[in-house]
Amino acid sequence: MTPKLYNWILFIILSFVWGSSFILMKEGLKILSAYEVAAIRMLSAGVILLPFALKGFREIQRKDIGLIILTGILGSFIPAILFCVAETEIDSALAGMLNALTPLFVITVGAVFFNASVQWKKLLGVLIGFGGMLLLFFAKAGNSGSNNILFASFILFATFCYGLNVNLINRYLKHVSSMNIAAVAFVSLITPATIVLFAAGFLQHNFTDAAFIKAAGASAVLGIFGTAAASILFYMLMKRAGPLFSSMVTYGIPFIAVMWGMLAGETITLLQVLGLLIILCGVYLANRQ
């Protein structure tokens, strides 16, 4: 197998795994609350990455630990809850579409809060992408009422958190390996995730009920594969093919999410597809070298 083919295989696997995350959330939400699904996701990822974190804690300087914990909260804990809460009212396909805004928020947050220089092409890409977002919002409002716009905005804030997190890492943690950041960040979330899980009434469920087992299993798979394993694969791809190629996963994720949404019987309108394509055009223009 050639290195290029291997990179494409990693790319396809990542697109499928991350694109499937939204339907797994929806499956977990059939029985569990949004807070339980998010907590199980974080807890599962932290437990799986624990062996990597043991090595990471030895290699990371003490002064960086607090910032890495902050990146775990901003880049994983808060968005995980926001996505799950949002999916109590909106389709998983729409959640996957809106997730495509993440690269645009990386650029926007960098320019506004970190004084990063922005070329006119990047600015135009951001404006086009946000135009596509507005089209998605209006398309959903026309079908399901304005209440869903509020829940869709939770995903908007989650992608803002992603953008803030990426800029924090890029500005202050460049000297720390990506694997150590991910492992230590997720392991640091084990305690708060456990607190949230039990505070949400997890022990009140019937643990022998088939529907509960299926929902909890989907949430655990989401954490193990959609978060922990996917993070490892992403860093492998970034190391092998570089940041530009690996960032192209952004284009694959929403289409996998839409596919799962359609298979689950969710309604996808042409206006929503048009909004997604406009967002991806903006992402392409903003990230074009």
C-alpha atoms as a PDB file:
ATOM      1  CA  MET A   1       0.000   0.000   0.000  1.00  0.00           C
ATOM      2  CA  THR A   2       1.376   3.380  -1.028  1.00  0.00           C
ATOM      3  CA  PRO A   3       1.640   6.210   1.555  1.00  0.00           C
ATOM      4  CA  LYS A   4      -0.842   8.300  -0.434  1.00  0.00           C
ATOM      5  CA  LEU A   5      -3.436   5.494  -0.489  1.00  0.00           C
ATOM      6  CA  TYR A   6      -2.919   4.953   3.259  1.00  0.00           C
ATOM      7  CA  ASN A   7      -3.580   8.648   3.876  1.00  0.00           C
ATOM      8  CA  TRP A   8      -6.817   8.493   1.892  1.00  0.00           C
ATOM      9  CA  ILE A   9      -7.944   5.440   3.843  1.00  0.00           C
ATOM     10  CA  LEU A  10      -7.367   7.337   7.099  1.00  0.00           C
ATOM     11  CA  PHE A  11      -9.252  10.297   5.610  1.00  0.00           C
ATOM     12  CA  ILE A  12     -12.281   8.155   4.695  1.00  0.00           C
ATOM     13  CA  ILE A  13     -12.324   6.415   8.085  1.00  0.00           C
ATOM     14  CA  LEU A  14     -12.189   9.760   9.907  1.00  0.00           C
ATOM     15  CA  SER A  15     -14.969  11.245   7.783  1.00  0.00           C
ATOM     16  CA  PHE A  16     -17.139   8.208   8.483  1.00  0.00           C
ATOM     17  CA  VAL A  17     -16.404   8.070  12.226  1.00  0.00           C
ATOM     18  CA  TRP A  18     -16.865  11.791  12.893  1.00  0.00           C
ATOM     19  CA  GLY A  19     -19.806  12.025  10.517  1.00  0.00           C
ATOM     20  CA  SER A  20     -21.507   9.173  12.393  1.00  0.00           C
ATOM     21  CA  SER A  21     -21.174  10.967  15.740  1.00  0.00           C
ATOM     22  CA  PHE A  22     -24.374  12.961  15.284  1.00  0.00           C
ATOM     23  CA  ILE A  23     -26.630   9.948  14.714  1.00  0.00           C
ATOM     24  CA  LEU A  24     -25.014   8.191  17.704  1.00  0.00           C
ATOM     25  CA  MET A  25     -25.943  11.190  19.856  1.00  0.00           C
ATOM     26  CA  LYS A  26     -29.506  10.935  18.590  1.00  0.00           C
ATOM     27  CA  GLU A  27     -29.573   7.216  19.442  1.00  0.00           C
ATOM     28  CA  GLY A  28     -28.362   7.881  22.975  1.00  0.00           C
ATOM     29  CA  LEU A  29     -30.945  10.624  23.454  1.00  0.00           C
ATOM     30  CA  LYS A  30     -33.798   8.162  22.898  1.00  0.00           C
ATOM     31  CA  ILE A  31     -33.439   7.052  26.543  1.00  0.00           C
ATOM     32  CA  LEU A  32     -30.767   9.204  28.185  1.00  0.00           C
ATOM     33  CA  SER A  33     -30.749  12.942  28.824  1.00  0.00           C
ATOM     34  CA  ALA A  34     -28.433  15.237  26.879  1.00  0.00           C
ATOM     35  CA  TYR A  35     -26.190  15.575  29.932  1.00  0.00           C
ATOM     36  CA  GLU A  36     -25.939  11.810  30.376  1.00  0.00           C
ATOM     37  CA  VAL A  37     -25.004  11.216  26.729  1.00  0.00           C
ATOM     38  CA  ALA A  38     -22.347  13.947  26.835  1.00  0.00           C
ATOM     39  CA  ALA A  39     -20.962  12.693  30.168  1.00  0.00           C
ATOM     40  CA  ILE A  40     -20.729   9.070  28.972  1.00  0.00           C
ATOM     41  CA  ARG A  41     -18.986  10.284  25.824  1.00  0.00           C
ATOM     42  CA  MET A  42     -16.345  12.236  27.767  1.00  0.00           C
ATOM     43  CA  LEU A  43     -15.948   9.530  30.404  1.00  0.00           C
ATOM     44  CA  SER A  44     -15.431   6.793  27.794  1.00  0.00           C
ATOM     45  CA  ALA A  45     -12.877   8.854  25.880  1.00  0.00           C
ATOM     46  CA  GLY A  46     -10.968   9.695  29.063  1.00  0.00           C
ATOM     47  CA  VAL A  47     -10.771   6.070  30.197  1.00  0.00           C
ATOM     48  CA  ILE A  48      -9.558   4.877  26.777  1.00  0.00           C
ATOM     49  CA  LEU A  49      -6.871   7.595  26.616  1.00  0.00           C
ATOM     50  CA  LEU A  50      -5.688   7.032  30.194  1.00  0.00           C
ATOM     51  CA  PRO A  51      -2.560   5.019  29.170  1.00  0.00           C
ATOM     52  CA  PHE A  52      -1.496   7.847  26.840  1.00  0.00           C
ATOM     53  CA  ALA A  53      -2.144  10.437  29.559  1.00  0.00           C
ATOM     54  CA  LEU A  54       0.187   8.684  32.027  1.00  0.00           C
ATOM     55  CA  LYS A  55       3.007   9.282  29.572  1.00  0.00           C
ATOM     56  CA  GLY A  56       1.743  12.776  28.819  1.00  0.00           C
ATOM     57  CA  PHE A  57       1.724  13.915  32.448  1.00  0.00           C
ATOM     58  CA  ARG A  58       5.403  12.943  32.705  1.00  0.00           C
ATOM     59  CA  GLU A  59       6.367  14.890  29.583  1.00  0.00           C
ATOM     60  CA  ILE A  60       4.230  18.028  29.936  1.00  0.00           C
ATOM     61  CA  GLN A  61       5.568  20.974  31.943  1.00  0.00           C
ATOM     62  CA  ARG A  62       3.578  21.769  35.069  1.00  0.00           C
ATOM     63  CA  LYS A  63       2.879  25.318  33.886  1.00  0.00           C
ATOM     64  CA  ASP A  64       0.977  23.950  30.871  1.00  0.00           C
ATOM     65  CA  ILE A  65      -1.337  21.561  32.744  1.00  0.00           C
ATOM     66  CA  GLY A  66      -3.936  24.205  33.633  1.00  0.00           C
ATOM     67  CA  LEU A  67      -4.175  25.474  30.058  1.00  0.00           C
ATOM     68  CA  ILE A  68      -4.512  21.925  28.714  1.00  0.00           C
ATOM     69  CA  ILE A  69      -7.379  21.290  31.137  1.00  0.00           C
ATOM     70  CA  LEU A  70      -8.985  24.509  29.874  1.00  0.00           C
ATOM     71  CA  THR A  71      -8.671  23.276  26.282  1.00  0.00           C
ATOM     72  CA  GLY A  72     -10.430  20.066  27.335  1.00  0.00           C
ATOM     73  CA  ILE A  73     -13.319  22.076  28.738  1.00  0.00           C
ATOM     74  CA  LEU A  74     -13.562  24.465  25.771  1.00  0.00           C
ATOM     75  CA  GLY A  75     -12.787  21.980  23.020  1.00  0.00           C
ATOM     76  CA  SER A  76     -14.667  18.931  24.293  1.00  0.00           C
ATOM     77  CA  PHE A  77     -16.742  19.188  27.472  1.00  0.00           C
ATOM     78  CA  ILE A  78     -18.847  22.267  26.681  1.00  0.00           C
ATOM     79  CA  PRO A  79     -19.356  21.411  22.967  1.00  0.00           C
ATOM     80  CA  ALA A  80     -20.333  17.816  23.835  1.00  0.00           C
ATOM     81  CA  ILE A  81     -23.124  19.082  26.084  1.00  0.00           C
ATOM     82  CA  LEU A  82     -24.211  21.765  23.618  1.00  0.00           C
ATOM     83  CA  PHE A  83     -24.439  19.318  20.716  1.00  0.00           C
ATOM     84  CA  CYS A  84     -26.484  16.853  22.764  1.00  0.00           C
ATOM     85  CA  VAL A  85     -28.855  19.552  24.046  1.00  0.00           C
ATOM     86  CA  ALA A  86     -29.265  20.867  20.491  1.00  0.00           C
ATOM     87  CA  GLU A  87     -30.095  17.415  19.138  1.00  0.00           C
ATOM     88  CA  THR A  88     -33.030  17.105  21.514  1.00  0.00           C
ATOM     89  CA  GLU A  89     -34.812  19.489  19.130  1.00  0.00           C
ATOM     90  CA  ILE A  90     -33.005  19.435  15.769  1.00  0.00           C
ATOM     91  CA  ASP A  91     -32.064  16.673  13.326  1.00  0.00           C
ATOM     92  CA  SER A  92     -28.656  14.998  13.471  1.00  0.00           C
ATOM     93  CA  ALA A  93     -28.134  15.892   9.782  1.00  0.00           C
ATOM     94  CA  LEU A  94     -28.548  19.614  10.495  1.00  0.00           C
ATOM     95  CA  ALA A  95     -26.121  19.300  13.426  1.00  0.00           C
ATOM     96  CA  GLY A  96     -23.561  17.774  11.066  1.00  0.00           C
ATOM     97  CA  MET A  97     -24.089  20.547   8.545  1.00  0.00           C
ATOM     98  CA  LEU A  98     -23.601  23.307  11.116  1.00  0.00           C
ATOM     99  CA  ASN A  99     -20.470  21.584  12.426  1.00  0.00           C
ATOM    100  CA  ALA A 100     -18.850  22.504   9.090  1.00  0.00           C
ATOM    101  CA  LEU A 101     -18.650  26.094  10.375  1.00  0.00           C
ATOM    102  CA  THR A 102     -15.753  25.157  12.689  1.00  0.00           C
ATOM    103  CA  PRO A 103     -12.895  26.197  10.322  1.00  0.00           C
ATOM    104  CA  LEU A 104     -14.570  29.561   9.777  1.00  0.00           C
ATOM    105  CA  PHE A 105     -14.727  30.171  13.525  1.00  0.00           C
ATOM    106  CA  VAL A 106     -11.039  29.258  13.803  1.00  0.00           C
ATOM    107  CA  ILE A 107     -10.286  32.143  11.426  1.00  0.00           C
ATOM    108  CA  THR A 108     -12.828  34.554  12.965  1.00  0.00           C
ATOM    109  CA  VAL A 109     -11.768  33.971  16.584  1.00  0.00           C
ATOM    110  CA  GLY A 110      -8.110  34.222  15.571  1.00  0.00           C
ATOM    111  CA  ALA A 111      -8.718  37.604  13.953  1.00  0.00           C
ATOM    112  CA  VAL A 112     -10.942  39.068  16.691  1.00  0.00           C
ATOM    113  CA  PHE A 113      -9.288  37.770  19.871  1.00  0.00           C
ATOM    114  CA  PHE A 114      -5.743  36.813  18.865  1.00  0.00           C
ATOM    115  CA  ASN A 115      -4.882  39.583  16.373  1.00  0.00           C
ATOM    116  CA  ALA A 116      -4.246  37.047  13.615  1.00  0.00           C
ATOM    117  CA  SER A 117      -3.871  38.553  10.163  1.00  0.00           C
ATOM    118  CA  VAL A 118      -6.724  37.787   7.767  1.00  0.00           C
ATOM    119  CA  GLN A 119      -6.319  37.969   4.002  1.00  0.00           C
ATOM    120  CA  TRP A 120      -9.223  39.190   1.902  1.00  0.00           C
ATOM    121  CA  LYS A 121      -9.838  35.669   0.560  1.00  0.00           C
ATOM    122  CA  LYS A 122     -10.216  34.330   4.082  1.00  0.00           C
ATOM    123  CA  LEU A 123     -12.573  37.155   5.012  1.00  0.00           C
ATOM    124  CA  LEU A 124     -14.658  36.534   1.898  1.00  0.00           C
ATOM    125  CA  GLY A 125     -14.740  32.811   2.710  1.00  0.00           C
ATOM    126  CA  VAL A 126     -15.961  33.537   6.233  1.00  0.00           C
ATOM    127  CA  LEU A 127     -18.710  35.836   4.927  1.00  0.00           C
ATOM    128  CA  ILE A 128     -19.829  33.247   2.364  1.00  0.00           C
ATOM    129  CA  GLY A 129     -19.831  30.511   5.008  1.00  0.00           C
ATOM    130  CA  PHE A 130     -21.949  32.528   7.391  1.00  0.00           C
ATOM    131  CA  GLY A 131     -24.312  33.297   4.533  1.00  0.00           C
ATOM    132  CA  GLY A 132     -24.758  29.540   4.108  1.00  0.00           C
ATOM    133  CA  MET A 133     -25.392  29.239   7.847  1.00  0.00           C
ATOM    134  CA  LEU A 134     -28.170  31.827   7.673  1.00  0.00           C
ATOM    135  CA  LEU A 135     -29.724  29.908   4.797  1.00  0.00           C
ATOM    136  CA  LEU A 136     -29.656  26.728   6.913  1.00  0.00           C
ATOM    137  CA  PHE A 137     -31.315  28.588   9.783  1.00  0.00           C
ATOM    138  CA  PHE A 138     -34.050  30.040   7.591  1.00  0.00           C
ATOM    139  CA  ALA A 139     -34.638  26.684   5.892  1.00  0.00           C
ATOM    140  CA  LYS A 140     -35.140  25.029   9.274  1.00  0.00           C
ATOM    141  CA  ALA A 141     -37.308  27.872  10.554  1.00  0.00           C
ATOM    142  CA  GLY A 142     -39.584  27.465   7.555  1.00  0.00           C
ATOM    143  CA  ASN A 143     -40.087  23.779   8.367  1.00  0.00           C
ATOM    144  CA  SER A 144     -40.179  23.492  12.132  1.00  0.00           C
ATOM    145  CA  GLY A 145     -40.646  26.863  13.770  1.00  0.00           C
ATOM    146  CA  SER A 146     -38.335  29.404  15.378  1.00  0.00           C
ATOM    147  CA  ASN A 147     -37.845  27.315  18.528  1.00  0.00           C
ATOM    148  CA  ASN A 148     -35.398  25.110  16.632  1.00  0.00           C
ATOM    149  CA  ILE A 149     -33.318  28.150  15.708  1.00  0.00           C
ATOM    150  CA  LEU A 150     -32.463  28.539  19.397  1.00  0.00           C
ATOM    151  CA  PHE A 151     -31.228  24.963  19.614  1.00  0.00           C
ATOM    152  CA  ALA A 152     -29.307  25.283  16.347  1.00  0.00           C
ATOM    153  CA  SER A 153     -27.568  28.306  17.873  1.00  0.00           C
ATOM    154  CA  PHE A 154     -26.194  26.011  20.601  1.00  0.00           C
ATOM    155  CA  ILE A 155     -24.179  24.284  17.868  1.00  0.00           C
ATOM    156  CA  LEU A 156     -23.096  27.700  16.655  1.00  0.00           C
ATOM    157  CA  PHE A 157     -21.681  28.407  20.128  1.00  0.00           C
ATOM    158  CA  ALA A 158     -20.072  24.941  20.211  1.00  0.00           C
ATOM    159  CA  THR A 159     -18.214  25.646  16.959  1.00  0.00           C
ATOM    160  CA  PHE A 160     -17.155  28.994  18.438  1.00  0.00           C
ATOM    161  CA  CYS A 161     -15.668  27.043  21.371  1.00  0.00           C
ATOM    162  CA  TYR A 162     -13.833  24.822  18.885  1.00  0.00           C
ATOM    163  CA  GLY A 163     -12.426  27.904  17.187  1.00  0.00           C
ATOM    164  CA  LEU A 164     -11.321  29.414  20.499  1.00  0.00           C
ATOM    165  CA  ASN A 165      -9.736  26.128  21.549  1.00  0.00           C
ATOM    166  CA  VAL A 166      -7.717  25.750  18.335  1.00  0.00           C
ATOM    167  CA  ASN A 167      -6.377  29.278  18.653  1.00  0.00           C
ATOM    168  CA  LEU A 168      -5.413  28.753  22.296  1.00  0.00           C
ATOM    169  CA  ILE A 169      -3.485  25.617  21.402  1.00  0.00           C
ATOM    170  CA  ASN A 170      -1.862  27.269  18.402  1.00  0.00           C
ATOM    171  CA  ARG A 171      -0.811  30.311  20.446  1.00  0.00           C
ATOM    172  CA  TYR A 172       0.263  28.778  23.762  1.00  0.00           C
ATOM    173  CA  LEU A 173       0.744  25.009  23.366  1.00  0.00           C
ATOM    174  CA  LYS A 174       2.686  24.574  20.140  1.00  0.00           C
ATOM    175  CA  HIS A 175       5.563  23.038  22.075  1.00  0.00           C
ATOM    176  CA  VAL A 176       3.335  20.233  23.429  1.00  0.00           C
ATOM    177  CA  SER A 177       2.589  17.215  21.225  1.00  0.00           C
ATOM    178  CA  SER A 178      -0.986  16.910  19.984  1.00  0.00           C
ATOM    179  CA  MET A 179      -1.359  13.426  21.453  1.00  0.00           C
ATOM    180  CA  ASN A 180      -0.297  14.597  24.917  1.00  0.00           C
ATOM    181  CA  ILE A 181      -2.745  17.510  24.749  1.00  0.00           C
ATOM    182  CA  ALA A 182      -5.649  15.255  23.743  1.00  0.00           C
ATOM    183  CA  ALA A 183      -4.870  12.521  26.266  1.00  0.00           C
ATOM    184  CA  VAL A 184      -4.336  14.812  29.262  1.00  0.00           C
ATOM    185  CA  ALA A 185      -7.330  16.987  28.330  1.00  0.00           C
ATOM    186  CA  PHE A 186      -9.757  14.049  28.105  1.00  0.00           C
ATOM    187  CA  VAL A 187      -8.447  12.340  31.224  1.00  0.00           C
ATOM    188  CA  SER A 188      -8.895  15.606  33.132  1.00  0.00           C
ATOM    189  CA  LEU A 189     -12.579  15.460  32.158  1.00  0.00           C
ATOM    190  CA  ILE A 190     -13.195  12.073  33.827  1.00  0.00           C
ATOM    191  CA  THR A 191     -14.054  13.637  37.194  1.00  0.00           C
ATOM    192  CA  PRO A 192     -16.439  16.381  35.967  1.00  0.00           C
ATOM    193  CA  ALA A 193     -18.047  13.921  33.524  1.00  0.00           C
ATOM    194  CA  THR A 194     -18.676  11.467  36.357  1.00  0.00           C
ATOM    195  CA  ILE A 195     -20.193  14.220  38.521  1.00  0.00           C
ATOM    196  CA  VAL A 196     -22.498  15.317  35.685  1.00  0.00           C
ATOM    197  CA  LEU A 197     -23.489  11.720  34.948  1.00  0.00           C
ATOM    198  CA  PHE A 198     -24.631  10.944  38.470  1.00  0.00           C
ATOM    199  CA  ALA A 199     -26.137  14.400  39.030  1.00  0.00           C
ATOM    200  CA  ALA A 200     -28.305  13.797  35.954  1.00  0.00           C
ATOM    201  CA  GLY A 201     -29.854  10.744  37.608  1.00  0.00           C
ATOM    202  CA  PHE A 202     -27.983   7.997  35.763  1.00  0.00           C
ATOM    203  CA  LEU A 203     -28.400   5.510  38.638  1.00  0.00           C
ATOM    204  CA  GLN A 204     -32.183   5.757  38.378  1.00  0.00           C
ATOM    205  CA  HIS A 205     -32.244   3.910  35.042  1.00  0.00           C
ATOM    206  CA  ASN A 206     -33.106   0.232  34.684  1.00  0.00           C
ATOM    207  CA  PHE A 207     -29.697  -1.171  33.748  1.00  0.00           C
ATOM    208  CA  THR A 208     -31.200  -4.406  32.405  1.00  0.00           C
ATOM    209  CA  ASP A 209     -33.559  -2.650  29.979  1.00  0.00           C
ATOM    210  CA  ALA A 210     -32.588  -3.327  26.345  1.00  0.00           C
ATOM    211  CA  ALA A 211     -33.378   0.230  25.240  1.00  0.00           C
ATOM    212  CA  PHE A 212     -31.174   1.653  28.019  1.00  0.00           C
ATOM    213  CA  ILE A 213     -28.295  -0.672  27.103  1.00  0.00           C
ATOM    214  CA  LYS A 214     -28.568   0.374  23.447  1.00  0.00           C
ATOM    215  CA  ALA A 215     -28.603   4.090  24.310  1.00  0.00           C
ATOM    216  CA  ALA A 216     -25.715   3.813  26.781  1.00  0.00           C
ATOM    217  CA  GLY A 217     -23.789   1.669  24.310  1.00  0.00           C
ATOM    218  CA  ALA A 218     -24.239   4.245  21.543  1.00  0.00           C
ATOM    219  CA  SER A 219     -22.970   6.975  23.884  1.00  0.00           C
ATOM    220  CA  ALA A 220     -19.942   4.871  24.860  1.00  0.00           C
ATOM    221  CA  VAL A 221     -19.154   4.085  21.208  1.00  0.00           C
ATOM    222  CA  LEU A 222     -19.399   7.813  20.551  1.00  0.00           C
ATOM    223  CA  GLY A 223     -16.724   8.442  23.180  1.00  0.00           C
ATOM    224  CA  ILE A 224     -14.434   5.505  22.354  1.00  0.00           C
ATOM    225  CA  PHE A 225     -14.487   5.765  18.567  1.00  0.00           C
ATOM    226  CA  GLY A 226     -15.967   9.179  17.757  1.00  0.00           C
ATOM    227  CA  THR A 227     -13.731  10.985  20.234  1.00  0.00           C
ATOM    228  CA  ALA A 228     -10.725   8.992  21.501  1.00  0.00           C
ATOM    229  CA  ALA A 229      -9.893   6.777  18.498  1.00  0.00           C
ATOM    230  CA  ALA A 230     -10.764   9.537  16.023  1.00  0.00           C
ATOM    231  CA  SER A 231      -8.402  11.940  17.790  1.00  0.00           C
ATOM    232  CA  ILE A 232      -5.553   9.424  17.480  1.00  0.00           C
ATOM    233  CA  LEU A 233      -6.315   8.809  13.791  1.00  0.00           C
ATOM    234  CA  PHE A 234      -6.511  12.547  13.116  1.00  0.00           C
ATOM    235  CA  TYR A 235      -3.101  13.170  14.647  1.00  0.00           C
ATOM    236  CA  MET A 236      -1.695  10.228  12.647  1.00  0.00           C
ATOM    237  CA  LEU A 237      -3.098  11.750   9.449  1.00  0.00           C
ATOM    238  CA  MET A 238      -1.843  15.232  10.320  1.00  0.00           C
ATOM    239  CA  LYS A 239       1.640  13.864  10.960  1.00  0.00           C
ATOM    240  CA  ARG A 240       1.692  11.874   7.717  1.00  0.00           C
ATOM    241  CA  ALA A 241      -0.079  14.231   5.291  1.00  0.00           C
ATOM    242  CA  GLY A 242       0.168  17.654   6.940  1.00  0.00           C
ATOM    243  CA  PRO A 243      -2.455  20.033   8.369  1.00  0.00           C
ATOM    244  CA  LEU A 244      -3.912  21.109   5.003  1.00  0.00           C
ATOM    245  CA  PHE A 245      -4.899  17.617   3.851  1.00  0.00           C
ATOM    246  CA  SER A 246      -6.087  16.543   7.297  1.00  0.00           C
ATOM    247  CA  SER A 247      -8.273  19.657   7.628  1.00  0.00           C
ATOM    248  CA  MET A 248     -10.137  18.563   4.486  1.00  0.00           C
ATOM    249  CA  VAL A 249     -12.001  16.053   6.691  1.00  0.00           C
ATOM    250  CA  THR A 250     -14.298  19.012   7.339  1.00  0.00           C
ATOM    251  CA  TYR A 251     -15.797  18.422   3.894  1.00  0.00           C
ATOM    252  CA  GLY A 252     -16.522  14.734   4.423  1.00  0.00           C
ATOM    253  CA  ILE A 253     -18.164  14.902   7.854  1.00  0.00           C
ATOM    254  CA  PRO A 254     -21.439  16.702   6.969  1.00  0.00           C
ATOM    255  CA  PHE A 255     -22.179  14.410   4.021  1.00  0.00           C
ATOM    256  CA  ILE A 256     -21.840  11.320   6.227  1.00  0.00           C
ATOM    257  CA  ALA A 257     -24.087  13.018   8.812  1.00  0.00           C
ATOM    258  CA  VAL A 258     -26.678  13.757   6.114  1.00  0.00           C
ATOM    259  CA  MET A 259     -26.527  10.160   4.878  1.00  0.00           C
ATOM    260  CA  TRP A 260     -27.221   8.784   8.377  1.00  0.00           C
ATOM    261  CA  GLY A 261     -29.967  11.356   8.866  1.00  0.00           C
ATOM    262  CA  MET A 262     -31.723  10.272   5.681  1.00  0.00           C
ATOM    263  CA  LEU A 263     -31.415   6.597   6.636  1.00  0.00           C
ATOM    264  CA  ALA A 264     -32.978   7.466  10.013  1.00  0.00           C
ATOM    265  CA  GLY A 265     -35.928   9.109   8.274  1.00  0.00           C
ATOM    266  CA  GLU A 266     -34.952  12.735   8.862  1.00  0.00           C
ATOM    267  CA  THR A 267     -36.173  15.288   6.325  1.00  0.00           C
ATOM    268  CA  ILE A 268     -33.442  16.946   4.268  1.00  0.00           C
ATOM    269  CA  THR A 269     -34.576  19.825   2.066  1.00  0.00           C
ATOM    270  CA  LEU A 270     -32.873  21.158  -1.062  1.00  0.00           C
ATOM    271  CA  LEU A 271     -32.534  24.517   0.681  1.00  0.00           C
ATOM    272  CA  GLN A 272     -30.575  22.872   3.497  1.00  0.00           C
ATOM    273  CA  VAL A 273     -28.294  21.096   1.010  1.00  0.00           C
ATOM    274  CA  LEU A 274     -27.722  24.430  -0.747  1.00  0.00           C
ATOM    275  CA  GLY A 275     -26.847  26.050   2.605  1.00  0.00           C
ATOM    276  CA  LEU A 276     -24.342  23.255   3.322  1.00  0.00           C
ATOM    277  CA  LEU A 277     -22.697  23.635  -0.097  1.00  0.00           C
ATOM    278  CA  ILE A 278     -22.393  27.406   0.410  1.00  0.00           C
ATOM    279  CA  ILE A 279     -20.744  26.820   3.816  1.00  0.00           C
ATOM    280  CA  LEU A 280     -18.269  24.350   2.302  1.00  0.00           C
ATOM    281  CA  CYS A 281     -17.471  26.806  -0.506  1.00  0.00           C
ATOM    282  CA  GLY A 282     -16.705  29.411   2.156  1.00  0.00           C
ATOM    283  CA  VAL A 283     -14.526  26.942   4.061  1.00  0.00           C
ATOM    284  CA  TYR A 284     -12.641  26.082   0.867  1.00  0.00           C
ATOM    285  CA  LEU A 285     -12.014  29.731  -0.005  1.00  0.00           C
ATOM    286  CA  ALA A 286     -10.992  30.606   3.561  1.00  0.00           C
ATOM    287  CA  ASN A 287      -8.483  27.745   3.767  1.00  0.00           C
ATOM    288  CA  ARG A 288      -7.140  27.906   0.217  1.00  0.00           C
ATOM    289  CA  GLN A 289      -3.388  28.334   0.180  1.00  0.00           C
END
